Amino acid sequence: MSFCSQDALSSYKIMWLYVMFDLPVETKRQRKAATNFRKNLLKDGFEMHQFSVYIRFCASSSSASVHIERVRKLVPEEGSVSILKVTDKQFGDTIHIVGRRAKPPPRLPVQLEFF
């Protein structure tokens, strides 16, 4: 019997995190804080989905919790940050429209399975 069952990678257990933010950029200090926040999101494996919206794939809810805590620690003193956690199943229902053409959501990362 394999340690990783087919159920282990269920689309209801795999998570996607959306980090959405509105950070002030009026002063040099605020711009630097906003830039550092975005750079740190990228270092933590997030990718820009839209301006001020970054997404990240997480293999499980516990992995998502780790990244949520990391984001909490990165939040600048000023501004607003929201984190939305959705299942892979919900993420698969995303409709992304660029102009008049529909664009499919980003591809899932390649998964490795260890026995």
PDB file of N, CA and C in Angstrom:
ATOM      1  N   MET A   1       0.839  -1.178   0.000  1.00  0.00           N
ATOM      2  CA  MET A   1       0.000   0.000   0.000  1.00  0.00           C
ATOM      3  C   MET A   1       0.883   1.239   0.000  1.00  0.00           C
ATOM      4  N   SER A   2       0.602   2.162  -0.855  1.00  0.00           N
ATOM      5  CA  SER A   2       1.384   3.384  -1.001  1.00  0.00           C
ATOM      6  C   SER A   2       1.062   4.386   0.095  1.00  0.00           C
ATOM      7  N   PHE A   3       2.092   5.120   0.557  1.00  0.00           N
ATOM      8  CA  PHE A   3       1.888   6.163   1.570  1.00  0.00           C
ATOM      9  C   PHE A   3       1.027   7.286   1.026  1.00  0.00           C
ATOM     10  N   CYS A   4       1.259   7.660  -0.231  1.00  0.00           N
ATOM     11  CA  CYS A   4       0.486   8.734  -0.868  1.00  0.00           C
ATOM     12  C   CYS A   4      -0.645   8.097  -1.671  1.00  0.00           C
ATOM     13  N   SER A   5      -1.840   8.282  -1.229  1.00  0.00           N
ATOM     14  CA  SER A   5      -2.966   7.744  -1.975  1.00  0.00           C
ATOM     15  C   SER A   5      -3.434   8.767  -2.998  1.00  0.00           C
ATOM     16  N   GLN A   6      -4.262   8.325  -3.912  1.00  0.00           N
ATOM     17  CA  GLN A   6      -4.828   9.225  -4.915  1.00  0.00           C
ATOM     18  C   GLN A   6      -5.607  10.341  -4.226  1.00  0.00           C
ATOM     19  N   ASP A   7      -6.211  10.026  -3.095  1.00  0.00           N
ATOM     20  CA  ASP A   7      -7.003  10.990  -2.336  1.00  0.00           C
ATOM     21  C   ASP A   7      -6.133  12.083  -1.713  1.00  0.00           C
ATOM     22  N   ALA A   8      -4.822  11.774  -1.516  1.00  0.00           N
ATOM     23  CA  ALA A   8      -3.926  12.728  -0.867  1.00  0.00           C
ATOM     24  C   ALA A   8      -3.789  14.016  -1.674  1.00  0.00           C
ATOM     25  N   LEU A   9      -3.930  13.956  -2.986  1.00  0.00           N
ATOM     26  CA  LEU A   9      -3.822  15.144  -3.826  1.00  0.00           C
ATOM     27  C   LEU A   9      -5.185  15.559  -4.360  1.00  0.00           C
ATOM     28  N   SER A  10      -6.196  15.378  -3.561  1.00  0.00           N
ATOM     29  CA  SER A  10      -7.553  15.748  -3.929  1.00  0.00           C
ATOM     30  C   SER A  10      -7.647  17.238  -4.221  1.00  0.00           C
ATOM     31  N   SER A  11      -8.449  17.604  -5.218  1.00  0.00           N
ATOM     32  CA  SER A  11      -8.611  19.018  -5.565  1.00  0.00           C
ATOM     33  C   SER A  11      -9.362  19.788  -4.484  1.00  0.00           C
ATOM     34  N   TYR A  12      -9.853  19.076  -3.473  1.00  0.00           N
ATOM     35  CA  TYR A  12     -10.488  19.745  -2.348  1.00  0.00           C
ATOM     36  C   TYR A  12      -9.492  19.993  -1.207  1.00  0.00           C
ATOM     37  N   LYS A  13      -8.321  19.337  -1.261  1.00  0.00           N
ATOM     38  CA  LYS A  13      -7.309  19.511  -0.221  1.00  0.00           C
ATOM     39  C   LYS A  13      -6.190  20.434  -0.668  1.00  0.00           C
ATOM     40  N   ILE A  14      -5.921  20.490  -1.965  1.00  0.00           N
ATOM     41  CA  ILE A  14      -4.904  21.380  -2.508  1.00  0.00           C
ATOM     42  C   ILE A  14      -5.440  22.805  -2.424  1.00  0.00           C
ATOM     43  N   MET A  15      -4.600  23.745  -2.040  1.00  0.00           N
ATOM     44  CA  MET A  15      -5.035  25.124  -1.812  1.00  0.00           C
ATOM     45  C   MET A  15      -4.314  26.110  -2.734  1.00  0.00           C
ATOM     46  N   TRP A  16      -4.969  27.198  -2.990  1.00  0.00           N
ATOM     47  CA  TRP A  16      -4.375  28.358  -3.653  1.00  0.00           C
ATOM     48  C   TRP A  16      -4.585  29.547  -2.730  1.00  0.00           C
ATOM     49  N   LEU A  17      -3.563  30.362  -2.589  1.00  0.00           N
ATOM     50  CA  LEU A  17      -3.673  31.578  -1.800  1.00  0.00           C
ATOM     51  C   LEU A  17      -3.675  32.784  -2.722  1.00  0.00           C
ATOM     52  N   TYR A  18      -4.603  33.672  -2.488  1.00  0.00           N
ATOM     53  CA  TYR A  18      -4.640  34.968  -3.162  1.00  0.00           C
ATOM     54  C   TYR A  18      -4.253  36.005  -2.116  1.00  0.00           C
ATOM     55  N   VAL A  19      -3.238  36.805  -2.398  1.00  0.00           N
ATOM     56  CA  VAL A  19      -2.879  37.927  -1.537  1.00  0.00           C
ATOM     57  C   VAL A  19      -3.210  39.192  -2.318  1.00  0.00           C
ATOM     58  N   MET A  20      -4.128  39.977  -1.765  1.00  0.00           N
ATOM     59  CA  MET A  20      -4.595  41.208  -2.423  1.00  0.00           C
ATOM     60  C   MET A  20      -4.262  42.361  -1.500  1.00  0.00           C
ATOM     61  N   PHE A  21      -3.702  43.424  -2.064  1.00  0.00           N
ATOM     62  CA  PHE A  21      -3.277  44.509  -1.188  1.00  0.00           C
ATOM     63  C   PHE A  21      -3.434  45.871  -1.836  1.00  0.00           C
ATOM     64  N   ASP A  22      -3.568  46.844  -0.951  1.00  0.00           N
ATOM     65  CA  ASP A  22      -3.630  48.249  -1.326  1.00  0.00           C
ATOM     66  C   ASP A  22      -2.669  48.955  -0.387  1.00  0.00           C
ATOM     67  N   LEU A  23      -1.473  49.263  -0.884  1.00  0.00           N
ATOM     68  CA  LEU A  23      -0.445  49.872  -0.058  1.00  0.00           C
ATOM     69  C   LEU A  23      -0.184  51.303  -0.513  1.00  0.00           C
ATOM     70  N   PRO A  24       0.005  52.214   0.437  1.00  0.00           N
ATOM     71  CA  PRO A  24       0.281  53.596   0.047  1.00  0.00           C
ATOM     72  C   PRO A  24       1.664  53.717  -0.587  1.00  0.00           C
ATOM     73  N   VAL A  25       1.779  54.606  -1.581  1.00  0.00           N
ATOM     74  CA  VAL A  25       3.053  54.816  -2.282  1.00  0.00           C
ATOM     75  C   VAL A  25       3.312  56.305  -2.502  1.00  0.00           C
ATOM     76  N   GLU A  26       2.861  57.118  -1.556  1.00  0.00           N
ATOM     77  CA  GLU A  26       3.004  58.567  -1.695  1.00  0.00           C
ATOM     78  C   GLU A  26       4.397  59.059  -1.321  1.00  0.00           C
ATOM     79  N   THR A  27       5.028  58.441  -0.346  1.00  0.00           N
ATOM     80  CA  THR A  27       6.361  58.875   0.069  1.00  0.00           C
ATOM     81  C   THR A  27       7.391  57.835  -0.363  1.00  0.00           C
ATOM     82  N   LYS A  28       8.653  58.219  -0.333  1.00  0.00           N
ATOM     83  CA  LYS A  28       9.732  57.301  -0.699  1.00  0.00           C
ATOM     84  C   LYS A  28       9.736  56.080   0.232  1.00  0.00           C
ATOM     85  N   ARG A  29       9.515  56.313   1.529  1.00  0.00           N
ATOM     86  CA  ARG A  29       9.487  55.218   2.506  1.00  0.00           C
ATOM     87  C   ARG A  29       8.346  54.240   2.196  1.00  0.00           C
ATOM     88  N   GLN A  30       7.171  54.770   1.850  1.00  0.00           N
ATOM     89  CA  GLN A  30       6.026  53.919   1.524  1.00  0.00           C
ATOM     90  C   GLN A  30       6.276  53.119   0.249  1.00  0.00           C
ATOM     91  N   ARG A  31       6.865  53.763  -0.760  1.00  0.00           N
ATOM     92  CA  ARG A  31       7.174  53.057  -2.008  1.00  0.00           C
ATOM     93  C   ARG A  31       8.156  51.919  -1.754  1.00  0.00           C
ATOM     94  N   LYS A  32       9.161  52.189  -0.929  1.00  0.00           N
ATOM     95  CA  LYS A  32      10.154  51.151  -0.611  1.00  0.00           C
ATOM     96  C   LYS A  32       9.489  49.993   0.129  1.00  0.00           C
ATOM     97  N   ALA A  33       8.609  50.296   1.081  1.00  0.00           N
ATOM     98  CA  ALA A  33       7.913  49.242   1.834  1.00  0.00           C
ATOM     99  C   ALA A  33       7.031  48.403   0.911  1.00  0.00           C
ATOM    100  N   ALA A  34       6.326  49.055  -0.012  1.00  0.00           N
ATOM    101  CA  ALA A  34       5.467  48.334  -0.957  1.00  0.00           C
ATOM    102  C   ALA A  34       6.299  47.458  -1.892  1.00  0.00           C
ATOM    103  N   THR A  35       7.420  47.996  -2.371  1.00  0.00           N
ATOM    104  CA  THR A  35       8.308  47.224  -3.254  1.00  0.00           C
ATOM    105  C   THR A  35       8.878  46.018  -2.519  1.00  0.00           C
ATOM    106  N   ASN A  36       9.318  46.213  -1.292  1.00  0.00           N
ATOM    107  CA  ASN A  36       9.848  45.089  -0.498  1.00  0.00           C
ATOM    108  C   ASN A  36       8.786  44.031  -0.250  1.00  0.00           C
ATOM    109  N   PHE A  37       7.558  44.451   0.017  1.00  0.00           N
ATOM    110  CA  PHE A  37       6.465  43.494   0.227  1.00  0.00           C
ATOM    111  C   PHE A  37       6.275  42.632  -1.023  1.00  0.00           C
ATOM    112  N   ARG A  38       6.206  43.267  -2.199  1.00  0.00           N
ATOM    113  CA  ARG A  38       6.027  42.514  -3.456  1.00  0.00           C
ATOM    114  C   ARG A  38       7.215  41.585  -3.712  1.00  0.00           C
ATOM    115  N   LYS A  39       8.430  42.086  -3.513  1.00  0.00           N
ATOM    116  CA  LYS A  39       9.622  41.248  -3.734  1.00  0.00           C
ATOM    117  C   LYS A  39       9.630  40.038  -2.801  1.00  0.00           C
ATOM    118  N   ASN A  40       9.231  40.243  -1.550  1.00  0.00           N
ATOM    119  CA  ASN A  40       9.196  39.128  -0.603  1.00  0.00           C
ATOM    120  C   ASN A  40       8.107  38.118  -0.944  1.00  0.00           C
ATOM    121  N   LEU A  41       6.988  38.581  -1.488  1.00  0.00           N
ATOM    122  CA  LEU A  41       5.968  37.632  -1.957  1.00  0.00           C
ATOM    123  C   LEU A  41       6.550  36.745  -3.063  1.00  0.00           C
ATOM    124  N   LEU A  42       7.270  37.358  -3.994  1.00  0.00           N
ATOM    125  CA  LEU A  42       7.891  36.594  -5.080  1.00  0.00           C
ATOM    126  C   LEU A  42       8.905  35.589  -4.535  1.00  0.00           C
ATOM    127  N   LYS A  43       9.704  35.996  -3.547  1.00  0.00           N
ATOM    128  CA  LYS A  43      10.686  35.093  -2.932  1.00  0.00           C
ATOM    129  C   LYS A  43      10.006  33.906  -2.265  1.00  0.00           C
ATOM    130  N   ASP A  44       8.780  34.110  -1.775  1.00  0.00           N
ATOM    131  CA  ASP A  44       8.047  33.034  -1.103  1.00  0.00           C
ATOM    132  C   ASP A  44       7.230  32.188  -2.081  1.00  0.00           C
ATOM    133  N   GLY A  45       7.438  32.374  -3.370  1.00  0.00           N
ATOM    134  CA  GLY A  45       6.793  31.505  -4.354  1.00  0.00           C
ATOM    135  C   GLY A  45       5.485  32.028  -4.917  1.00  0.00           C
ATOM    136  N   PHE A  46       5.096  33.234  -4.562  1.00  0.00           N
ATOM    137  CA  PHE A  46       3.894  33.822  -5.139  1.00  0.00           C
ATOM    138  C   PHE A  46       4.223  34.340  -6.535  1.00  0.00           C
ATOM    139  N   GLU A  47       3.224  34.431  -7.377  1.00  0.00           N
ATOM    140  CA  GLU A  47       3.404  35.068  -8.677  1.00  0.00           C
ATOM    141  C   GLU A  47       2.320  36.113  -8.870  1.00  0.00           C
ATOM    142  N   MET A  48       2.677  37.159  -9.616  1.00  0.00           N
ATOM    143  CA  MET A  48       1.716  38.236  -9.813  1.00  0.00           C
ATOM    144  C   MET A  48       0.602  37.766 -10.741  1.00  0.00           C
ATOM    145  N   HIS A  49      -0.612  37.878 -10.283  1.00  0.00           N
ATOM    146  CA  HIS A  49      -1.794  37.532 -11.067  1.00  0.00           C
ATOM    147  C   HIS A  49      -2.335  38.791 -11.738  1.00  0.00           C
ATOM    148  N   GLN A  50      -2.382  39.876 -10.985  1.00  0.00           N
ATOM    149  CA  GLN A  50      -2.743  41.211 -11.457  1.00  0.00           C
ATOM    150  C   GLN A  50      -1.980  42.184 -10.561  1.00  0.00           C
ATOM    151  N   PHE A  51      -2.001  43.466 -10.894  1.00  0.00           N
ATOM    152  CA  PHE A  51      -1.403  44.431  -9.986  1.00  0.00           C
ATOM    153  C   PHE A  51      -2.060  44.268  -8.623  1.00  0.00           C
ATOM    154  N   SER A  52      -1.276  44.180  -7.607  1.00  0.00           N
ATOM    155  CA  SER A  52      -1.739  44.066  -6.222  1.00  0.00           C
ATOM    156  C   SER A  52      -2.520  42.789  -5.925  1.00  0.00           C
ATOM    157  N   VAL A  53      -2.409  41.786  -6.798  1.00  0.00           N
ATOM    158  CA  VAL A  53      -3.002  40.468  -6.537  1.00  0.00           C
ATOM    159  C   VAL A  53      -1.956  39.422  -6.904  1.00  0.00           C
ATOM    160  N   TYR A  54      -1.519  38.678  -5.901  1.00  0.00           N
ATOM    161  CA  TYR A  54      -0.522  37.632  -6.106  1.00  0.00           C
ATOM    162  C   TYR A  54      -1.142  36.303  -5.699  1.00  0.00           C
ATOM    163  N   ILE A  55      -0.730  35.223  -6.367  1.00  0.00           N
ATOM    164  CA  ILE A  55      -1.279  33.900  -6.056  1.00  0.00           C
ATOM    165  C   ILE A  55      -0.145  32.912  -5.810  1.00  0.00           C
ATOM    166  N   ARG A  56      -0.477  31.869  -5.049  1.00  0.00           N
ATOM    167  CA  ARG A  56       0.498  30.819  -4.753  1.00  0.00           C
ATOM    168  C   ARG A  56      -0.214  29.492  -4.575  1.00  0.00           C
ATOM    169  N   PHE A  57       0.352  28.454  -5.162  1.00  0.00           N
ATOM    170  CA  PHE A  57      -0.120  27.088  -5.019  1.00  0.00           C
ATOM    171  C   PHE A  57       0.423  26.507  -3.723  1.00  0.00           C
ATOM    172  N   CYS A  58      -0.409  25.795  -2.979  1.00  0.00           N
ATOM    173  CA  CYS A  58       0.016  25.088  -1.766  1.00  0.00           C
ATOM    174  C   CYS A  58      -0.549  23.677  -1.821  1.00  0.00           C
ATOM    175  N   ALA A  59       0.274  22.705  -1.527  1.00  0.00           N
ATOM    176  CA  ALA A  59      -0.137  21.307  -1.637  1.00  0.00           C
ATOM    177  C   ALA A  59      -1.162  20.885  -0.589  1.00  0.00           C
ATOM    178  N   SER A  60      -1.296  21.675   0.487  1.00  0.00           N
ATOM    179  CA  SER A  60      -2.242  21.302   1.546  1.00  0.00           C
ATOM    180  C   SER A  60      -2.655  22.550   2.324  1.00  0.00           C
ATOM    181  N   SER A  61      -3.647  22.381   3.153  1.00  0.00           N
ATOM    182  CA  SER A  61      -4.102  23.474   4.007  1.00  0.00           C
ATOM    183  C   SER A  61      -3.032  23.851   5.021  1.00  0.00           C
ATOM    184  N   SER A  62      -2.287  22.872   5.528  1.00  0.00           N
ATOM    185  CA  SER A  62      -1.227  23.185   6.502  1.00  0.00           C
ATOM    186  C   SER A  62      -0.092  23.953   5.838  1.00  0.00           C
ATOM    187  N   SER A  63       0.228  23.633   4.600  1.00  0.00           N
ATOM    188  CA  SER A  63       1.234  24.396   3.856  1.00  0.00           C
ATOM    189  C   SER A  63       0.739  25.827   3.630  1.00  0.00           C
ATOM    190  N   ALA A  64      -0.529  25.980   3.307  1.00  0.00           N
ATOM    191  CA  ALA A  64      -1.115  27.311   3.116  1.00  0.00           C
ATOM    192  C   ALA A  64      -1.014  28.121   4.405  1.00  0.00           C
ATOM    193  N   SER A  65      -1.240  27.480   5.545  1.00  0.00           N
ATOM    194  CA  SER A  65      -1.157  28.176   6.831  1.00  0.00           C
ATOM    195  C   SER A  65       0.248  28.723   7.085  1.00  0.00           C
ATOM    196  N   VAL A  66       1.267  27.968   6.694  1.00  0.00           N
ATOM    197  CA  VAL A  66       2.657  28.417   6.847  1.00  0.00           C
ATOM    198  C   VAL A  66       2.883  29.691   6.031  1.00  0.00           C
ATOM    199  N   HIS A  67       2.402  29.702   4.789  1.00  0.00           N
ATOM    200  CA  HIS A  67       2.604  30.863   3.918  1.00  0.00           C
ATOM    201  C   HIS A  67       1.755  32.056   4.363  1.00  0.00           C
ATOM    202  N   ILE A  68       0.597  31.791   4.918  1.00  0.00           N
ATOM    203  CA  ILE A  68      -0.228  32.880   5.454  1.00  0.00           C
ATOM    204  C   ILE A  68       0.518  33.580   6.590  1.00  0.00           C
ATOM    205  N   GLU A  69       1.148  32.809   7.462  1.00  0.00           N
ATOM    206  CA  GLU A  69       1.908  33.402   8.568  1.00  0.00           C
ATOM    207  C   GLU A  69       3.099  34.201   8.059  1.00  0.00           C
ATOM    208  N   ARG A  70       3.740  33.705   7.002  1.00  0.00           N
ATOM    209  CA  ARG A  70       4.864  34.455   6.412  1.00  0.00           C
ATOM    210  C   ARG A  70       4.385  35.799   5.872  1.00  0.00           C
ATOM    211  N   VAL A  71       3.242  35.785   5.189  1.00  0.00           N
ATOM    212  CA  VAL A  71       2.701  37.034   4.643  1.00  0.00           C
ATOM    213  C   VAL A  71       2.364  37.993   5.775  1.00  0.00           C
ATOM    214  N   ARG A  72       1.766  37.486   6.842  1.00  0.00           N
ATOM    215  CA  ARG A  72       1.441  38.337   8.004  1.00  0.00           C
ATOM    216  C   ARG A  72       2.667  39.100   8.497  1.00  0.00           C
ATOM    217  N   LYS A  73       3.800  38.421   8.521  1.00  0.00           N
ATOM    218  CA  LYS A  73       5.035  39.037   9.016  1.00  0.00           C
ATOM    219  C   LYS A  73       5.614  40.047   8.027  1.00  0.00           C
ATOM    220  N   LEU A  74       5.229  39.951   6.752  1.00  0.00           N
ATOM    221  CA  LEU A  74       5.757  40.846   5.723  1.00  0.00           C
ATOM    222  C   LEU A  74       4.954  42.134   5.567  1.00  0.00           C
ATOM    223  N   VAL A  75       3.743  42.162   6.096  1.00  0.00           N
ATOM    224  CA  VAL A  75       2.842  43.294   5.867  1.00  0.00           C
ATOM    225  C   VAL A  75       3.457  44.588   6.386  1.00  0.00           C
ATOM    226  N   PRO A  76       3.522  45.625   5.531  1.00  0.00           N
ATOM    227  CA  PRO A  76       4.059  46.916   5.967  1.00  0.00           C
ATOM    228  C   PRO A  76       3.185  47.555   7.054  1.00  0.00           C
ATOM    229  N   GLU A  77       3.723  48.594   7.691  1.00  0.00           N
ATOM    230  CA  GLU A  77       3.005  49.282   8.761  1.00  0.00           C
ATOM    231  C   GLU A  77       1.712  49.924   8.273  1.00  0.00           C
ATOM    232  N   GLU A  78       1.701  50.386   7.023  1.00  0.00           N
ATOM    233  CA  GLU A  78       0.527  51.061   6.471  1.00  0.00           C
ATOM    234  C   GLU A  78      -0.042  50.246   5.317  1.00  0.00           C
ATOM    235  N   GLY A  79      -1.334  50.403   5.087  1.00  0.00           N
ATOM    236  CA  GLY A  79      -1.966  49.732   3.961  1.00  0.00           C
ATOM    237  C   GLY A  79      -2.879  48.612   4.399  1.00  0.00           C
ATOM    238  N   SER A  80      -3.451  47.958   3.422  1.00  0.00           N
ATOM    239  CA  SER A  80      -4.417  46.898   3.660  1.00  0.00           C
ATOM    240  C   SER A  80      -4.027  45.663   2.859  1.00  0.00           C
ATOM    241  N   VAL A  81      -4.021  44.500   3.519  1.00  0.00           N
ATOM    242  CA  VAL A  81      -3.690  43.234   2.864  1.00  0.00           C
ATOM    243  C   VAL A  81      -4.780  42.231   3.207  1.00  0.00           C
ATOM    244  N   SER A  82      -5.304  41.554   2.196  1.00  0.00           N
ATOM    245  CA  SER A  82      -6.299  40.493   2.392  1.00  0.00           C
ATOM    246  C   SER A  82      -5.736  39.205   1.800  1.00  0.00           C
ATOM    247  N   ILE A  83      -6.029  38.084   2.463  1.00  0.00           N
ATOM    248  CA  ILE A  83      -5.602  36.775   1.977  1.00  0.00           C
ATOM    249  C   ILE A  83      -6.846  35.916   1.806  1.00  0.00           C
ATOM    250  N   LEU A  84      -6.996  35.357   0.628  1.00  0.00           N
ATOM    251  CA  LEU A  84      -8.116  34.471   0.335  1.00  0.00           C
ATOM    252  C   LEU A  84      -7.554  33.082   0.061  1.00  0.00           C
ATOM    253  N   LYS A  85      -8.076  32.081   0.756  1.00  0.00           N
ATOM    254  CA  LYS A  85      -7.647  30.694   0.575  1.00  0.00           C
ATOM    255  C   LYS A  85      -8.762  29.946  -0.138  1.00  0.00           C
ATOM    256  N   VAL A  86      -8.444  29.353  -1.288  1.00  0.00           N
ATOM    257  CA  VAL A  86      -9.452  28.599  -2.044  1.00  0.00           C
ATOM    258  C   VAL A  86      -8.901  27.215  -2.375  1.00  0.00           C
ATOM    259  N   THR A  87      -9.802  26.264  -2.533  1.00  0.00           N
ATOM    260  CA  THR A  87      -9.388  24.914  -2.918  1.00  0.00           C
ATOM    261  C   THR A  87      -9.013  24.904  -4.398  1.00  0.00           C
ATOM    262  N   ASP A  88      -8.280  23.884  -4.787  1.00  0.00           N
ATOM    263  CA  ASP A  88      -7.909  23.736  -6.194  1.00  0.00           C
ATOM    264  C   ASP A  88      -9.156  23.588  -7.057  1.00  0.00           C
ATOM    265  N   LYS A  89     -10.167  22.949  -6.515  1.00  0.00           N
ATOM    266  CA  LYS A  89     -11.434  22.779  -7.236  1.00  0.00           C
ATOM    267  C   LYS A  89     -12.059  24.150  -7.518  1.00  0.00           C
ATOM    268  N   GLN A  90     -12.089  25.024  -6.508  1.00  0.00           N
ATOM    269  CA  GLN A  90     -12.633  26.373  -6.706  1.00  0.00           C
ATOM    270  C   GLN A  90     -11.757  27.170  -7.662  1.00  0.00           C
ATOM    271  N   PHE A  91     -10.440  27.050  -7.527  1.00  0.00           N
ATOM    272  CA  PHE A  91      -9.508  27.766  -8.405  1.00  0.00           C
ATOM    273  C   PHE A  91      -9.724  27.348  -9.864  1.00  0.00           C
ATOM    274  N   GLY A  92     -10.028  26.071 -10.057  1.00  0.00           N
ATOM    275  CA  GLY A  92     -10.266  25.564 -11.414  1.00  0.00           C
ATOM    276  C   GLY A  92     -11.476  26.190 -12.081  1.00  0.00           C
ATOM    277  N   ASP A  93     -12.369  26.757 -11.300  1.00  0.00           N
ATOM    278  CA  ASP A  93     -13.558  27.408 -11.850  1.00  0.00           C
ATOM    279  C   ASP A  93     -13.335  28.899 -12.123  1.00  0.00           C
ATOM    280  N   THR A  94     -12.098  29.373 -11.945  1.00  0.00           N
ATOM    281  CA  THR A  94     -11.788  30.780 -12.183  1.00  0.00           C
ATOM    282  C   THR A  94     -11.999  31.131 -13.654  1.00  0.00           C
ATOM    283  N   ILE A  95     -12.630  32.243 -13.879  1.00  0.00           N
ATOM    284  CA  ILE A  95     -12.786  32.769 -15.240  1.00  0.00           C
ATOM    285  C   ILE A  95     -11.943  34.027 -15.311  1.00  0.00           C
ATOM    286  N   HIS A  96     -10.949  34.018 -16.179  1.00  0.00           N
ATOM    287  CA  HIS A  96     -10.040  35.155 -16.312  1.00  0.00           C
ATOM    288  C   HIS A  96     -10.181  35.695 -17.728  1.00  0.00           C
ATOM    289  N   ILE A  97     -10.587  36.927 -17.846  1.00  0.00           N
ATOM    290  CA  ILE A  97     -10.835  37.518 -19.158  1.00  0.00           C
ATOM    291  C   ILE A  97      -9.848  38.641 -19.410  1.00  0.00           C
ATOM    292  N   VAL A  98      -9.170  38.573 -20.530  1.00  0.00           N
ATOM    293  CA  VAL A  98      -8.249  39.624 -20.949  1.00  0.00           C
ATOM    294  C   VAL A  98      -8.826  40.182 -22.240  1.00  0.00           C
ATOM    295  N   GLY A  99      -9.276  41.418 -22.195  1.00  0.00           N
ATOM    296  CA  GLY A  99      -9.967  41.950 -23.363  1.00  0.00           C
ATOM    297  C   GLY A  99     -11.251  41.179 -23.565  1.00  0.00           C
ATOM    298  N   ARG A 100     -11.470  40.719 -24.762  1.00  0.00           N
ATOM    299  CA  ARG A 100     -12.689  39.952 -25.047  1.00  0.00           C
ATOM    300  C   ARG A 100     -12.445  38.459 -25.116  1.00  0.00           C
ATOM    301  N   ARG A 101     -11.191  38.064 -24.979  1.00  0.00           N
ATOM    302  CA  ARG A 101     -10.875  36.638 -25.056  1.00  0.00           C
ATOM    303  C   ARG A 101     -10.731  36.062 -23.661  1.00  0.00           C
ATOM    304  N   ALA A 102     -11.284  34.900 -23.432  1.00  0.00           N
ATOM    305  CA  ALA A 102     -11.131  34.214 -22.148  1.00  0.00           C
ATOM    306  C   ALA A 102      -9.751  33.582 -22.098  1.00  0.00           C
ATOM    307  N   LYS A 103      -9.117  33.652 -20.944  1.00  0.00           N
ATOM    308  CA  LYS A 103      -7.796  33.081 -20.747  1.00  0.00           C
ATOM    309  C   LYS A 103      -7.892  32.047 -19.628  1.00  0.00           C
ATOM    310  N   PRO A 104      -7.383  30.826 -19.850  1.00  0.00           N
ATOM    311  CA  PRO A 104      -7.471  29.813 -18.795  1.00  0.00           C
ATOM    312  C   PRO A 104      -6.597  30.194 -17.601  1.00  0.00           C
ATOM    313  N   PRO A 105      -6.924  29.669 -16.407  1.00  0.00           N
ATOM    314  CA  PRO A 105      -6.093  29.952 -15.232  1.00  0.00           C
ATOM    315  C   PRO A 105      -4.692  29.371 -15.429  1.00  0.00           C
ATOM    316  N   PRO A 106      -3.704  29.809 -14.640  1.00  0.00           N
ATOM    317  CA  PRO A 106      -2.346  29.288 -14.771  1.00  0.00           C
ATOM    318  C   PRO A 106      -2.319  27.775 -14.605  1.00  0.00           C
ATOM    319  N   ARG A 107      -1.363  27.128 -15.266  1.00  0.00           N
ATOM    320  CA  ARG A 107      -1.227  25.669 -15.170  1.00  0.00           C
ATOM    321  C   ARG A 107      -0.809  25.277 -13.763  1.00  0.00           C
ATOM    322  N   LEU A 108      -1.214  24.089 -13.362  1.00  0.00           N
ATOM    323  CA  LEU A 108      -0.795  23.563 -12.067  1.00  0.00           C
ATOM    324  C   LEU A 108       0.695  23.236 -12.113  1.00  0.00           C
ATOM    325  N   PRO A 109       1.403  23.425 -11.006  1.00  0.00           N
ATOM    326  CA  PRO A 109       2.817  23.048 -10.978  1.00  0.00           C
ATOM    327  C   PRO A 109       2.972  21.541 -11.104  1.00  0.00           C
ATOM    328  N   VAL A 110       4.104  21.110 -11.582  1.00  0.00           N
ATOM    329  CA  VAL A 110       4.387  19.688 -11.710  1.00  0.00           C
ATOM    330  C   VAL A 110       4.517  19.110 -10.304  1.00  0.00           C
ATOM    331  N   GLN A 111       3.874  17.986 -10.078  1.00  0.00           N
ATOM    332  CA  GLN A 111       3.877  17.350  -8.764  1.00  0.00           C
ATOM    333  C   GLN A 111       4.791  16.129  -8.772  1.00  0.00           C
ATOM    334  N   LEU A 112       5.530  15.962  -7.701  1.00  0.00           N
ATOM    335  CA  LEU A 112       6.328  14.762  -7.497  1.00  0.00           C
ATOM    336  C   LEU A 112       5.636  13.924  -6.438  1.00  0.00           C
ATOM    337  N   GLU A 113       5.655  12.616  -6.627  1.00  0.00           N
ATOM    338  CA  GLU A 113       5.061  11.749  -5.623  1.00  0.00           C
ATOM    339  C   GLU A 113       6.131  10.767  -5.166  1.00  0.00           C
ATOM    340  N   PHE A 114       6.357  10.714  -3.850  1.00  0.00           N
ATOM    341  CA  PHE A 114       7.348   9.802  -3.289  1.00  0.00           C
ATOM    342  C   PHE A 114       6.628   8.627  -2.660  1.00  0.00           C
ATOM    343  N   PHE A 115       7.167   7.449  -2.878  1.00  0.00           N
ATOM    344  CA  PHE A 115       6.557   6.225  -2.353  1.00  0.00           C
ATOM    345  C   PHE A 115       7.272   5.752  -1.138  1.00  0.00           C
TER     346      PHE A 115
END
